Amino acid sequence: MADEEAVRYCPSCGAPVEYRFTFGRRRPVCPSCGRIHFENPRVAAAAVVERDGEILLVRRVNDPSRGQWTLPAGFVDAGEDPRLAAARECLEETGLEVNVARLLDVIAGQEHARGASIVIVYRAEVRGGILRAGDDANAAEFFRPDQIPPLGFDATRQAVALWKAERTGML
């Protein structure tokens, strides 16, 4: 999904790059110093927070999927523990402090140009805070399994389906 021509100059020596087939795909290669540019995946972390049989979702204020609901989630910063990123994003978007309990799933597949290529989904439990929307969410609410609103992103739909299956013992 990344823009194939995004790299035009070598980050090491500044020479214009050429695109060549190497290491199984077309990549930017510097004809001057030989450096091969490998694009790193963007990683996001998400929290599945359940309270009284309901799942916490946030409504997006930004495109893509503006107005649709997702899990509290966001990008993992370089050097950041993904568990801490999931907890940080949950606090920023919902006002709730959570303990990350365990890994639920790792979902691959970049859905839009600015999106993550890997989403690490954790189960988390509320430990404090006051529910309020923040950051890039304009609503934060808990929903029963039979009242899930329109979801943005396939990764969210997969994670919610896993949560439902786990609750009913179908997992």
Protein backbone atom coordinates (compact mmCIF):
# COMPACT_ATOMS: atom_id res chain seq x y z
CA MET A 1 0.00 0.00 0.00
CA ALA A 2 3.00 2.30 0.40
CA ASP A 3 3.81 4.72 -2.39
CA GLU A 4 6.34 2.80 -4.44
CA GLU A 5 8.12 5.97 -5.57
CA ALA A 6 8.19 7.56 -2.10
CA VAL A 7 11.98 7.25 -1.80
CA ARG A 8 13.74 9.35 -4.40
CA TYR A 9 17.13 9.97 -2.81
CA CYS A 10 19.47 7.81 -0.80
CA PRO A 11 19.24 8.62 2.93
CA SER A 12 22.94 7.72 3.28
CA CYS A 13 24.64 9.68 0.48
CA GLY A 14 21.89 11.75 -1.17
CA ALA A 15 22.24 10.28 -4.67
CA PRO A 16 19.07 9.61 -6.69
CA VAL A 17 17.91 6.02 -6.22
CA GLU A 18 16.93 3.47 -8.83
CA TYR A 19 14.16 0.94 -8.33
CA ARG A 20 15.35 -2.64 -8.77
CA PHE A 21 14.00 -6.07 -8.00
CA THR A 22 15.96 -7.27 -4.96
CA PHE A 23 15.17 -9.39 -1.90
CA GLY A 24 11.90 -10.55 -3.44
CA ARG A 25 10.38 -7.21 -4.46
CA ARG A 26 10.97 -3.88 -6.15
CA ARG A 27 12.97 -1.61 -3.83
CA PRO A 28 14.92 1.67 -4.00
CA VAL A 29 18.64 0.99 -4.44
CA CYS A 30 21.38 3.62 -4.46
CA PRO A 31 23.61 3.18 -7.55
CA SER A 32 26.28 5.29 -5.85
CA CYS A 33 26.79 3.64 -2.44
CA GLY A 34 24.76 0.44 -2.90
CA ARG A 35 22.36 1.04 0.00
CA ILE A 36 19.05 -0.81 -0.33
CA HIS A 37 16.10 0.94 1.30
CA PHE A 38 13.79 -1.40 3.23
CA GLU A 39 10.49 0.15 4.26
CA ASN A 40 9.61 -0.75 7.83
CA PRO A 41 6.02 -1.67 8.68
CA ARG A 42 3.91 0.74 10.68
CA VAL A 43 2.69 -0.86 13.88
CA ALA A 44 -0.38 0.09 15.89
CA ALA A 45 -1.63 -1.19 19.23
CA ALA A 46 -5.29 -1.50 20.22
CA ALA A 47 -7.15 -2.26 23.43
CA VAL A 48 -10.23 -4.44 23.77
CA VAL A 49 -11.72 -3.18 27.02
CA GLU A 50 -14.76 -4.97 28.41
CA ARG A 51 -16.93 -3.80 31.30
CA ASP A 52 -20.12 -5.54 32.41
CA GLY A 53 -20.23 -7.55 29.18
CA GLU A 54 -19.84 -4.49 26.96
CA ILE A 55 -16.92 -3.44 24.73
CA LEU A 56 -15.39 0.03 24.67
CA LEU A 57 -15.36 1.78 21.29
CA VAL A 58 -14.49 5.29 20.13
CA ARG A 59 -15.97 7.28 17.25
CA ARG A 60 -13.39 8.70 14.84
CA VAL A 61 -13.25 12.41 14.04
CA ASN A 62 -10.70 12.03 11.22
CA ASP A 63 -10.67 10.37 7.84
CA PRO A 64 -10.52 7.64 6.90
CA SER A 65 -13.61 6.14 8.55
CA ARG A 66 -14.73 9.45 10.07
CA GLY A 67 -17.88 8.94 12.13
CA GLN A 68 -17.37 5.20 12.43
CA TRP A 69 -16.37 3.36 15.57
CA THR A 70 -13.08 1.65 16.36
CA LEU A 71 -11.16 0.27 19.28
CA PRO A 72 -9.00 2.73 21.18
CA ALA A 73 -5.79 2.40 19.16
CA GLY A 74 -2.83 4.19 17.67
CA PHE A 75 0.70 3.94 16.43
CA VAL A 76 3.48 2.44 18.51
CA ASP A 77 6.35 4.91 18.84
CA ALA A 78 9.89 3.74 18.05
CA GLY A 79 11.27 1.99 21.13
CA GLU A 80 7.87 1.90 22.86
CA ASP A 81 6.47 -1.30 24.34
CA PRO A 82 3.27 -2.05 22.35
CA ARG A 83 1.44 -2.86 25.61
CA LEU A 84 2.24 0.63 26.90
CA ALA A 85 1.17 2.11 23.55
CA ALA A 86 -2.23 0.39 23.84
CA ALA A 87 -2.66 1.75 27.38
CA ARG A 88 -1.51 5.24 26.31
CA GLU A 89 -3.89 5.36 23.36
CA CYS A 90 -6.78 4.16 25.53
CA LEU A 91 -6.11 6.95 28.04
CA GLU A 92 -5.77 9.60 25.30
CA GLU A 93 -8.94 8.57 23.46
CA THR A 94 -11.23 7.52 26.34
CA GLY A 95 -9.91 9.00 29.58
CA LEU A 96 -9.68 5.50 31.07
CA GLU A 97 -6.54 4.06 32.62
CA VAL A 98 -6.20 0.39 31.77
CA ASN A 99 -4.05 -2.58 32.65
CA VAL A 100 -3.12 -4.53 29.56
CA ALA A 101 -3.94 -8.12 30.44
CA ARG A 102 -2.93 -10.26 27.46
CA LEU A 103 -2.51 -10.48 23.73
CA LEU A 104 -5.72 -11.12 21.79
CA ASP A 105 -4.39 -11.13 18.21
CA VAL A 106 -1.95 -9.66 15.71
CA ILE A 107 -3.76 -8.49 12.57
CA ALA A 108 -1.87 -7.78 9.35
CA GLY A 109 -2.97 -5.81 6.34
CA GLN A 110 -2.60 -2.09 5.68
CA GLU A 111 -6.05 -0.66 4.95
CA HIS A 112 -5.13 2.84 3.78
CA ALA A 113 -1.99 4.75 2.84
CA ARG A 114 -1.46 6.33 6.28
CA GLY A 115 -2.52 3.26 8.24
CA ALA A 116 -0.71 0.58 10.15
CA SER A 117 0.39 -2.59 8.43
CA ILE A 118 0.31 -4.52 11.70
CA VAL A 119 -2.21 -4.04 14.54
CA ILE A 120 -1.42 -5.69 17.86
CA VAL A 121 -4.65 -6.17 19.80
CA TYR A 122 -4.63 -6.63 23.58
CA ARG A 123 -7.30 -7.38 26.15
CA ALA A 124 -7.28 -4.68 28.81
CA GLU A 125 -9.09 -3.96 32.08
CA VAL A 126 -10.17 -0.59 33.45
CA ARG A 127 -8.25 0.47 36.56
CA GLY A 128 -9.30 4.10 36.80
CA GLY A 129 -10.13 7.33 35.05
CA ILE A 130 -13.32 8.94 33.84
CA LEU A 131 -14.87 7.97 30.50
CA ARG A 132 -14.62 10.91 28.10
CA ALA A 133 -13.69 11.18 24.44
CA GLY A 134 -10.39 12.80 23.60
CA ASP A 135 -7.58 13.08 21.07
CA ASP A 136 -8.95 11.93 17.69
CA ALA A 137 -12.26 10.59 19.06
CA ASN A 138 -15.45 12.58 19.62
CA ALA A 139 -17.29 9.85 21.51
CA ALA A 140 -16.31 6.93 23.73
CA GLU A 141 -18.93 4.42 24.82
CA PHE A 142 -19.43 0.83 25.90
CA PHE A 143 -21.62 -1.36 23.68
CA ARG A 144 -23.39 -4.68 24.16
CA PRO A 145 -22.47 -7.40 21.65
CA ASP A 146 -25.84 -7.06 19.91
CA GLN A 147 -25.63 -3.26 19.62
CA ILE A 148 -22.26 -2.73 17.94
CA PRO A 149 -22.37 0.45 15.79
CA PRO A 150 -20.86 0.73 12.28
CA LEU A 151 -17.17 -0.15 12.58
CA GLY A 152 -14.34 1.46 10.67
CA PHE A 153 -11.49 -0.77 9.50
CA ASP A 154 -11.35 -4.49 8.94
CA ALA A 155 -8.88 -4.89 11.83
CA THR A 156 -11.54 -3.49 14.20
CA ARG A 157 -14.17 -5.83 12.79
CA GLN A 158 -11.82 -8.81 13.22
CA ALA A 159 -10.95 -7.86 16.80
CA VAL A 160 -14.61 -7.32 17.76
CA ALA A 161 -15.50 -10.68 16.20
CA LEU A 162 -12.74 -12.33 18.27
CA TRP A 163 -14.05 -10.62 21.41
CA LYS A 164 -17.57 -11.91 20.70
CA ALA A 165 -16.30 -15.43 19.98
CA GLU A 166 -14.20 -15.42 23.15
CA ARG A 167 -17.20 -14.32 25.25
CA THR A 168 -19.40 -17.12 23.93
CA GLY A 169 -16.73 -19.79 24.21
CA MET A 170 -16.53 -20.19 20.44
CA LEU A 171 -12.81 -19.46 20.39
